[in-house]
Amino acid sequence: MRNRRRHAQPQAQWRLRIRATSSTLLWVVALLIVGSMYLAVNAKLAQAGRQVINLERRKDELLRANASLAAQLAELTTPEQMWARAVALGFHPAGPAEVEYLKVEGYVPPTPFVAPRPPAASPRGPGALSPAYTETLGEWLARWMVATEVSP
C-alpha cells in the first residue's frame, strides 16, 4: 500500500494567488524583454535601411555629376573647339620650313615588328612531312631488322 502524506490543512488562498500572479508576471516580463529586443533590432535595421537609401541617392547624384562633367569635357575637346582655341592662342599649322628635327645621340630605334607566317602559309607542300620526322619507313624497317637481327 502506498502511504500518501496529506497536509493537515490545504494551502492558503493568498499563497496560491501569489504563486499564480508571480508566474504570470514572470511571463509578462519575459515577453516585454523579448519585445523590446525585437523593437531595438528593427529600429537598427530601419536606420541602416535609411542610410542605404541615402547612400544610393548620393551615388546617383555623383553619377549624374560625373556624366555631366564627361559631356562637358567631350564638348570642350571636339576638334573644332580645339582648333578655335589654338588659333585664339596664336598657333598656326607649321609649314615645311618651320619644322625642326632633332638628332638624339645614342638613341637606338626599336626593331620593327615582323609578324610570323600563318600556319597555312608554310613552305611545305600538301603531302610534305613535318620536319619532326627524320627517317622514312624503309630506313626505320632496316634499323629495326638490324637491331633484332632478322635476316630477309
N, C-alpha and C. Protein backbone atom coordinates (compact mmCIF):
# COMPACT_ATOMS: atom_id res chain seq x y z
N MET A 1 0.81 -1.17 0.00
CA MET A 1 0.00 0.00 0.00
C MET A 1 0.86 1.24 0.00
N ARG A 2 0.35 2.14 -0.66
CA ARG A 2 1.07 3.40 -0.72
C ARG A 2 0.59 4.31 0.39
N ASN A 3 1.57 4.89 0.97
CA ASN A 3 1.23 5.87 2.00
C ASN A 3 1.34 7.26 1.39
N ARG A 4 0.27 7.88 1.40
CA ARG A 4 0.28 9.24 0.89
C ARG A 4 0.18 10.17 2.08
N ARG A 5 1.07 11.11 2.03
CA ARG A 5 1.01 12.08 3.12
C ARG A 5 0.10 13.21 2.70
N ARG A 6 -0.72 13.51 3.57
CA ARG A 6 -1.65 14.59 3.32
C ARG A 6 -1.35 15.71 4.29
N HIS A 7 -1.49 16.89 3.75
CA HIS A 7 -1.34 18.04 4.63
C HIS A 7 -2.55 18.14 5.53
N ALA A 8 -2.27 18.59 6.61
CA ALA A 8 -3.38 18.73 7.54
C ALA A 8 -4.31 19.83 7.09
N GLN A 9 -3.71 20.88 6.52
CA GLN A 9 -4.52 21.99 6.06
C GLN A 9 -4.17 22.27 4.60
N PRO A 10 -5.12 22.58 3.78
CA PRO A 10 -4.80 22.99 2.43
C PRO A 10 -4.09 24.34 2.47
N GLN A 11 -3.34 24.59 1.39
CA GLN A 11 -2.59 25.86 1.37
C GLN A 11 -3.54 27.03 1.37
N ALA A 12 -3.04 28.11 1.90
CA ALA A 12 -3.87 29.31 2.00
C ALA A 12 -4.11 29.89 0.61
N GLN A 13 -5.25 30.50 0.45
CA GLN A 13 -5.63 31.06 -0.84
C GLN A 13 -4.67 32.18 -1.29
N TRP A 14 -4.21 32.97 -0.38
CA TRP A 14 -3.33 34.07 -0.76
C TRP A 14 -2.01 33.57 -1.30
N ARG A 15 -1.54 32.37 -0.80
CA ARG A 15 -0.30 31.80 -1.34
C ARG A 15 -0.52 31.31 -2.78
N LEU A 16 -1.63 30.71 -3.02
CA LEU A 16 -1.93 30.24 -4.37
C LEU A 16 -2.04 31.42 -5.33
N ARG A 17 -2.64 32.50 -4.91
CA ARG A 17 -2.77 33.69 -5.76
C ARG A 17 -1.41 34.32 -6.02
N ILE A 18 -0.55 34.36 -5.01
CA ILE A 18 0.78 34.93 -5.20
C ILE A 18 1.59 34.09 -6.18
N ARG A 19 1.48 32.76 -6.06
CA ARG A 19 2.20 31.87 -6.97
C ARG A 19 1.70 32.06 -8.41
N ALA A 20 0.41 32.12 -8.61
CA ALA A 20 -0.15 32.31 -9.95
C ALA A 20 0.22 33.69 -10.49
N THR A 21 0.15 34.70 -9.64
CA THR A 21 0.48 36.06 -10.08
C THR A 21 1.96 36.18 -10.42
N SER A 22 2.81 35.57 -9.63
CA SER A 22 4.25 35.67 -9.91
C SER A 22 4.63 34.94 -11.20
N SER A 23 4.04 33.79 -11.46
CA SER A 23 4.37 33.10 -12.72
C SER A 23 3.84 33.89 -13.92
N THR A 24 2.66 34.47 -13.78
CA THR A 24 2.12 35.29 -14.87
C THR A 24 2.99 36.53 -15.07
N LEU A 25 3.39 37.14 -13.98
CA LEU A 25 4.24 38.32 -14.06
C LEU A 25 5.59 37.98 -14.69
N LEU A 26 6.12 36.80 -14.38
CA LEU A 26 7.37 36.36 -14.99
C LEU A 26 7.24 36.24 -16.51
N TRP A 27 6.12 35.66 -16.97
CA TRP A 27 5.90 35.55 -18.42
C TRP A 27 5.74 36.93 -19.06
N VAL A 28 5.06 37.83 -18.40
CA VAL A 28 4.86 39.18 -18.95
C VAL A 28 6.20 39.90 -19.05
N VAL A 29 7.04 39.79 -18.03
CA VAL A 29 8.36 40.43 -18.06
C VAL A 29 9.21 39.82 -19.17
N ALA A 30 9.18 38.50 -19.31
CA ALA A 30 9.95 37.84 -20.38
C ALA A 30 9.47 38.32 -21.75
N LEU A 31 8.16 38.41 -21.94
CA LEU A 31 7.63 38.89 -23.22
C LEU A 31 8.00 40.35 -23.46
N LEU A 32 8.02 41.16 -22.42
CA LEU A 32 8.43 42.56 -22.58
C LEU A 32 9.90 42.66 -22.98
N ILE A 33 10.75 41.83 -22.39
CA ILE A 33 12.17 41.84 -22.75
C ILE A 33 12.37 41.41 -24.19
N VAL A 34 11.70 40.32 -24.58
CA VAL A 34 11.82 39.85 -25.97
C VAL A 34 11.27 40.89 -26.93
N GLY A 35 10.14 41.52 -26.57
CA GLY A 35 9.56 42.55 -27.44
C GLY A 35 10.46 43.76 -27.57
N SER A 36 11.08 44.17 -26.47
CA SER A 36 11.98 45.32 -26.55
C SER A 36 13.21 45.00 -27.38
N MET A 37 13.73 43.77 -27.28
CA MET A 37 14.87 43.38 -28.12
C MET A 37 14.46 43.39 -29.59
N TYR A 38 13.25 42.90 -29.88
CA TYR A 38 12.75 42.88 -31.25
C TYR A 38 12.63 44.30 -31.79
N LEU A 39 12.09 45.20 -30.98
CA LEU A 39 11.95 46.60 -31.41
C LEU A 39 13.32 47.26 -31.61
N ALA A 40 14.28 46.94 -30.74
CA ALA A 40 15.62 47.53 -30.89
C ALA A 40 16.27 47.06 -32.18
N VAL A 41 16.14 45.77 -32.48
CA VAL A 41 16.73 45.24 -33.72
C VAL A 41 16.06 45.86 -34.94
N ASN A 42 14.73 45.97 -34.89
CA ASN A 42 14.02 46.57 -36.03
C ASN A 42 14.37 48.04 -36.20
N ALA A 43 14.58 48.75 -35.10
CA ALA A 43 14.98 50.16 -35.20
C ALA A 43 16.35 50.28 -35.86
N LYS A 44 17.28 49.38 -35.48
CA LYS A 44 18.61 49.40 -36.10
C LYS A 44 18.50 49.08 -37.59
N LEU A 45 17.67 48.10 -37.93
CA LEU A 45 17.50 47.75 -39.35
C LEU A 45 16.88 48.90 -40.14
N ALA A 46 15.91 49.57 -39.56
CA ALA A 46 15.29 50.71 -40.25
C ALA A 46 16.31 51.83 -40.45
N GLN A 47 17.14 52.07 -39.44
CA GLN A 47 18.17 53.10 -39.56
C GLN A 47 19.17 52.73 -40.64
N ALA A 48 19.58 51.47 -40.67
CA ALA A 48 20.52 51.02 -41.71
C ALA A 48 19.88 51.13 -43.09
N GLY A 49 18.59 50.82 -43.19
CA GLY A 49 17.88 50.95 -44.47
C GLY A 49 17.85 52.39 -44.95
N ARG A 50 17.60 53.33 -44.02
CA ARG A 50 17.62 54.75 -44.39
C ARG A 50 19.01 55.18 -44.85
N GLN A 51 20.03 54.68 -44.17
CA GLN A 51 21.39 55.03 -44.59
C GLN A 51 21.69 54.50 -45.98
N VAL A 52 21.24 53.27 -46.27
CA VAL A 52 21.45 52.70 -47.61
C VAL A 52 20.74 53.54 -48.66
N ILE A 53 19.52 53.94 -48.37
CA ILE A 53 18.77 54.77 -49.32
C ILE A 53 19.48 56.10 -49.55
N ASN A 54 19.96 56.72 -48.48
CA ASN A 54 20.68 57.99 -48.61
C ASN A 54 21.97 57.81 -49.42
N LEU A 55 22.70 56.72 -49.17
CA LEU A 55 23.93 56.47 -49.91
C LEU A 55 23.65 56.20 -51.39
N GLU A 56 22.57 55.47 -51.67
CA GLU A 56 22.22 55.22 -53.08
C GLU A 56 21.83 56.53 -53.77
N ARG A 57 21.11 57.39 -53.05
CA ARG A 57 20.73 58.69 -53.62
C ARG A 57 21.99 59.51 -53.92
N ARG A 58 22.94 59.50 -52.98
CA ARG A 58 24.21 60.25 -53.17
C ARG A 58 24.99 59.67 -54.35
N LYS A 59 24.99 58.34 -54.47
CA LYS A 59 25.68 57.70 -55.59
C LYS A 59 25.07 58.12 -56.92
N ASP A 60 23.73 58.14 -56.98
CA ASP A 60 23.06 58.57 -58.20
C ASP A 60 23.41 60.02 -58.55
N GLU A 61 23.45 60.89 -57.52
CA GLU A 61 23.82 62.29 -57.76
C GLU A 61 25.24 62.39 -58.31
N LEU A 62 26.16 61.61 -57.73
CA LEU A 62 27.55 61.65 -58.20
C LEU A 62 27.67 61.10 -59.62
N LEU A 63 26.90 60.05 -59.93
CA LEU A 63 26.94 59.51 -61.30
C LEU A 63 26.43 60.54 -62.30
N ARG A 64 25.35 61.25 -61.93
CA ARG A 64 24.84 62.29 -62.83
C ARG A 64 25.86 63.42 -63.00
N ALA A 65 26.50 63.82 -61.90
CA ALA A 65 27.51 64.89 -61.98
C ALA A 65 28.70 64.42 -62.84
N ASN A 66 29.10 63.16 -62.68
CA ASN A 66 30.20 62.63 -63.46
C ASN A 66 29.85 62.60 -64.95
N ALA A 67 28.61 62.19 -65.26
CA ALA A 67 28.18 62.17 -66.66
C ALA A 67 28.14 63.58 -67.24
N SER A 68 27.70 64.54 -66.43
CA SER A 68 27.66 65.93 -66.89
C SER A 68 29.06 66.45 -67.17
N LEU A 69 30.00 66.15 -66.27
CA LEU A 69 31.38 66.58 -66.49
C LEU A 69 32.00 65.90 -67.71
N ALA A 70 31.69 64.62 -67.91
CA ALA A 70 32.21 63.92 -69.09
C ALA A 70 31.65 64.55 -70.37
N ALA A 71 30.38 64.95 -70.35
CA ALA A 71 29.79 65.60 -71.52
C ALA A 71 30.44 66.96 -71.78
N GLN A 72 30.71 67.70 -70.70
CA GLN A 72 31.38 69.00 -70.86
C GLN A 72 32.79 68.81 -71.42
N LEU A 73 33.50 67.81 -70.93
CA LEU A 73 34.84 67.54 -71.44
C LEU A 73 34.79 67.16 -72.91
N ALA A 74 33.83 66.32 -73.29
CA ALA A 74 33.71 65.94 -74.69
C ALA A 74 33.40 67.14 -75.56
N GLU A 75 32.58 68.05 -75.05
CA GLU A 75 32.25 69.24 -75.82
C GLU A 75 33.45 70.17 -75.97
N LEU A 76 34.24 70.31 -74.90
CA LEU A 76 35.40 71.21 -74.95
C LEU A 76 36.56 70.64 -75.77
N THR A 77 36.62 69.34 -75.95
CA THR A 77 37.74 68.74 -76.68
C THR A 77 37.37 68.29 -78.08
N THR A 78 36.29 68.80 -78.64
CA THR A 78 35.99 68.49 -80.04
C THR A 78 37.05 69.14 -80.91
N PRO A 79 37.32 68.58 -82.06
CA PRO A 79 38.36 69.16 -82.93
C PRO A 79 38.10 70.63 -83.28
N GLU A 80 36.84 70.98 -83.48
CA GLU A 80 36.53 72.37 -83.82
C GLU A 80 36.88 73.31 -82.67
N GLN A 81 36.51 72.92 -81.44
CA GLN A 81 36.80 73.74 -80.26
C GLN A 81 38.32 73.85 -80.05
N MET A 82 39.02 72.74 -80.20
CA MET A 82 40.47 72.76 -80.00
C MET A 82 41.14 73.66 -81.05
N TRP A 83 40.67 73.57 -82.28
CA TRP A 83 41.23 74.40 -83.35
C TRP A 83 40.98 75.89 -83.05
N ALA A 84 39.77 76.21 -82.62
CA ALA A 84 39.44 77.61 -82.33
C ALA A 84 40.30 78.13 -81.16
N ARG A 85 40.51 77.33 -80.13
CA ARG A 85 41.34 77.78 -79.01
C ARG A 85 42.80 77.92 -79.43
N ALA A 86 43.28 77.01 -80.29
CA ALA A 86 44.67 77.11 -80.73
C ALA A 86 44.89 78.38 -81.55
N VAL A 87 43.94 78.70 -82.43
CA VAL A 87 44.05 79.93 -83.23
C VAL A 87 43.98 81.14 -82.31
N ALA A 88 43.11 81.10 -81.30
CA ALA A 88 42.99 82.22 -80.37
C ALA A 88 44.29 82.42 -79.57
N LEU A 89 45.02 81.34 -79.32
CA LEU A 89 46.28 81.45 -78.59
C LEU A 89 47.46 81.81 -79.51
N GLY A 90 47.23 81.90 -80.82
CA GLY A 90 48.28 82.32 -81.73
C GLY A 90 48.97 81.17 -82.44
N PHE A 91 48.49 79.97 -82.32
CA PHE A 91 49.10 78.85 -83.03
C PHE A 91 48.60 78.82 -84.47
N HIS A 92 49.40 78.25 -85.36
CA HIS A 92 49.00 78.06 -86.75
C HIS A 92 49.67 76.78 -87.26
N PRO A 93 49.18 76.22 -88.36
CA PRO A 93 49.80 75.00 -88.89
C PRO A 93 51.24 75.27 -89.32
N ALA A 94 52.12 74.34 -88.99
CA ALA A 94 53.54 74.51 -89.31
C ALA A 94 53.78 74.12 -90.76
N GLY A 95 54.56 74.94 -91.45
CA GLY A 95 54.95 74.63 -92.81
C GLY A 95 56.26 73.85 -92.81
N PRO A 96 56.71 73.37 -93.97
CA PRO A 96 57.94 72.59 -94.03
C PRO A 96 59.17 73.38 -93.56
N ALA A 97 59.17 74.67 -93.74
CA ALA A 97 60.33 75.47 -93.33
C ALA A 97 60.36 75.69 -91.82
N GLU A 98 59.21 75.52 -91.15
CA GLU A 98 59.15 75.76 -89.71
C GLU A 98 59.37 74.50 -88.87
N VAL A 99 59.51 73.36 -89.51
CA VAL A 99 59.67 72.10 -88.77
C VAL A 99 61.15 71.87 -88.53
N GLU A 100 61.52 71.57 -87.31
CA GLU A 100 62.91 71.26 -86.95
C GLU A 100 62.96 69.84 -86.41
N TYR A 101 63.90 69.06 -86.93
CA TYR A 101 64.08 67.71 -86.44
C TYR A 101 65.35 67.68 -85.60
N LEU A 102 65.30 66.97 -84.49
CA LEU A 102 66.45 66.87 -83.60
C LEU A 102 67.03 65.47 -83.67
N LYS A 103 68.35 65.39 -83.69
CA LYS A 103 69.01 64.09 -83.68
C LYS A 103 69.51 63.86 -82.25
N VAL A 104 69.10 62.75 -81.68
CA VAL A 104 69.47 62.43 -80.31
C VAL A 104 70.60 61.41 -80.37
N GLU A 105 71.73 61.77 -79.78
CA GLU A 105 72.88 60.87 -79.78
C GLU A 105 72.60 59.66 -78.90
N GLY A 106 72.96 58.48 -79.39
CA GLY A 106 72.82 57.25 -78.61
C GLY A 106 71.43 56.63 -78.67
N TYR A 107 70.51 57.25 -79.39
CA TYR A 107 69.16 56.68 -79.47
C TYR A 107 69.16 55.55 -80.49
N VAL A 108 68.66 54.40 -80.07
CA VAL A 108 68.53 53.25 -80.97
C VAL A 108 67.03 53.00 -81.15
N PRO A 109 66.56 53.15 -82.37
CA PRO A 109 65.12 52.94 -82.57
C PRO A 109 64.77 51.47 -82.35
N PRO A 110 63.58 51.19 -81.89
CA PRO A 110 63.19 49.79 -81.67
C PRO A 110 63.10 49.05 -82.99
N THR A 111 63.35 47.75 -82.93
CA THR A 111 63.26 46.94 -84.14
C THR A 111 61.80 46.83 -84.53
N PRO A 112 61.54 46.90 -85.81
CA PRO A 112 60.13 46.83 -86.25
C PRO A 112 59.58 45.42 -86.01
N PHE A 113 58.30 45.35 -85.78
CA PHE A 113 57.63 44.08 -85.53
C PHE A 113 57.44 43.36 -86.85
N VAL A 114 57.86 42.10 -86.89
CA VAL A 114 57.65 41.28 -88.06
C VAL A 114 56.70 40.16 -87.65
N ALA A 115 55.55 40.15 -88.25
CA ALA A 115 54.54 39.15 -87.89
C ALA A 115 54.97 37.78 -88.40
N PRO A 116 54.76 36.73 -87.62
CA PRO A 116 55.10 35.39 -88.09
C PRO A 116 54.15 34.94 -89.18
N ARG A 117 54.62 33.99 -89.98
CA ARG A 117 53.78 33.47 -91.05
C ARG A 117 52.66 32.63 -90.46
N PRO A 118 51.49 32.70 -91.01
CA PRO A 118 50.42 31.84 -90.52
C PRO A 118 50.72 30.38 -90.82
N PRO A 119 50.18 29.44 -90.06
CA PRO A 119 50.48 28.03 -90.28
C PRO A 119 50.11 27.53 -91.67
N ALA A 120 49.07 28.07 -92.26
CA ALA A 120 48.65 27.61 -93.59
C ALA A 120 49.63 28.06 -94.67
N ALA A 121 50.48 29.05 -94.41
CA ALA A 121 51.39 29.57 -95.42
C ALA A 121 52.79 28.96 -95.29
N SER A 122 52.88 27.77 -94.71
CA SER A 122 54.20 27.16 -94.57
C SER A 122 54.73 26.72 -95.93
N PRO A 123 56.06 26.66 -96.12
CA PRO A 123 56.62 26.34 -97.42
C PRO A 123 56.44 24.87 -97.81
N ARG A 124 56.00 24.02 -96.88
CA ARG A 124 55.82 22.61 -97.22
C ARG A 124 54.66 22.45 -98.19
N GLY A 125 54.74 21.46 -99.01
CA GLY A 125 53.66 21.15 -99.93
C GLY A 125 52.55 20.40 -99.20
N PRO A 126 51.47 20.11 -99.89
CA PRO A 126 50.35 19.46 -99.22
C PRO A 126 50.70 18.05 -98.74
N GLY A 127 51.63 17.35 -99.39
CA GLY A 127 51.96 15.99 -98.98
C GLY A 127 53.27 15.89 -98.23
N ALA A 128 53.88 17.03 -97.90
CA ALA A 128 55.18 17.00 -97.24
C ALA A 128 55.04 16.62 -95.78
N LEU A 129 56.09 15.98 -95.27
CA LEU A 129 56.09 15.57 -93.87
C LEU A 129 56.59 16.71 -93.00
N SER A 130 56.26 16.59 -91.76
CA SER A 130 56.74 17.56 -90.79
C SER A 130 58.24 17.37 -90.60
N PRO A 131 58.99 18.43 -90.27
CA PRO A 131 60.42 18.29 -90.04
C PRO A 131 60.73 17.40 -88.82
N ALA A 132 59.74 17.07 -88.03
CA ALA A 132 59.98 16.21 -86.87
C ALA A 132 60.28 14.78 -87.30
N TYR A 133 59.81 14.39 -88.47
CA TYR A 133 60.08 13.04 -88.96
C TYR A 133 61.41 13.06 -89.73
N THR A 134 62.40 12.27 -89.24
CA THR A 134 63.73 12.33 -89.84
C THR A 134 64.09 11.08 -90.63
N GLU A 135 63.29 10.05 -90.59
CA GLU A 135 63.61 8.84 -91.35
C GLU A 135 62.37 8.33 -92.05
N THR A 136 62.58 7.60 -93.11
CA THR A 136 61.47 7.04 -93.86
C THR A 136 61.11 5.69 -93.28
N LEU A 137 60.03 5.11 -93.79
CA LEU A 137 59.60 3.81 -93.31
C LEU A 137 60.64 2.74 -93.63
N GLY A 138 61.25 2.84 -94.82
CA GLY A 138 62.28 1.87 -95.19
C GLY A 138 63.50 1.97 -94.26
N GLU A 139 63.94 3.17 -93.95
CA GLU A 139 65.08 3.33 -93.04
C GLU A 139 64.75 2.78 -91.66
N TRP A 140 63.53 3.06 -91.19
CA TRP A 140 63.15 2.54 -89.88
C TRP A 140 63.10 1.03 -89.88
N LEU A 141 62.55 0.43 -90.94
CA LEU A 141 62.45 -1.03 -91.02
C LEU A 141 63.84 -1.65 -91.07
N ALA A 142 64.76 -1.05 -91.82
CA ALA A 142 66.13 -1.57 -91.87
C ALA A 142 66.79 -1.47 -90.50
N ARG A 143 66.60 -0.35 -89.83
CA ARG A 143 67.18 -0.20 -88.50
C ARG A 143 66.59 -1.21 -87.53
N TRP A 144 65.32 -1.48 -87.64
CA TRP A 144 64.66 -2.44 -86.75
C TRP A 144 65.15 -3.86 -87.03
N MET A 145 65.36 -4.18 -88.30
CA MET A 145 65.81 -5.53 -88.63
C MET A 145 67.24 -5.76 -88.15
N VAL A 146 68.08 -4.72 -88.24
CA VAL A 146 69.45 -4.86 -87.74
C VAL A 146 69.43 -5.00 -86.21
N ALA A 147 68.56 -4.25 -85.57
CA ALA A 147 68.50 -4.31 -84.12
C ALA A 147 67.99 -5.65 -83.62
N THR A 148 67.08 -6.28 -84.35
CA THR A 148 66.53 -7.57 -83.91
C THR A 148 67.23 -8.73 -84.61
N GLU A 149 68.14 -8.43 -85.51
CA GLU A 149 68.92 -9.41 -86.27
C GLU A 149 68.05 -10.42 -86.98
N VAL A 150 67.08 -9.90 -87.68
CA VAL A 150 66.23 -10.77 -88.50
C VAL A 150 66.77 -10.72 -89.93
N SER A 151 67.02 -11.87 -90.48
CA SER A 151 67.55 -11.93 -91.85
C SER A 151 66.40 -12.03 -92.83
N PRO A 152 66.56 -11.44 -94.04
CA PRO A 152 65.48 -11.46 -95.02
C PRO A 152 65.36 -12.75 -95.77
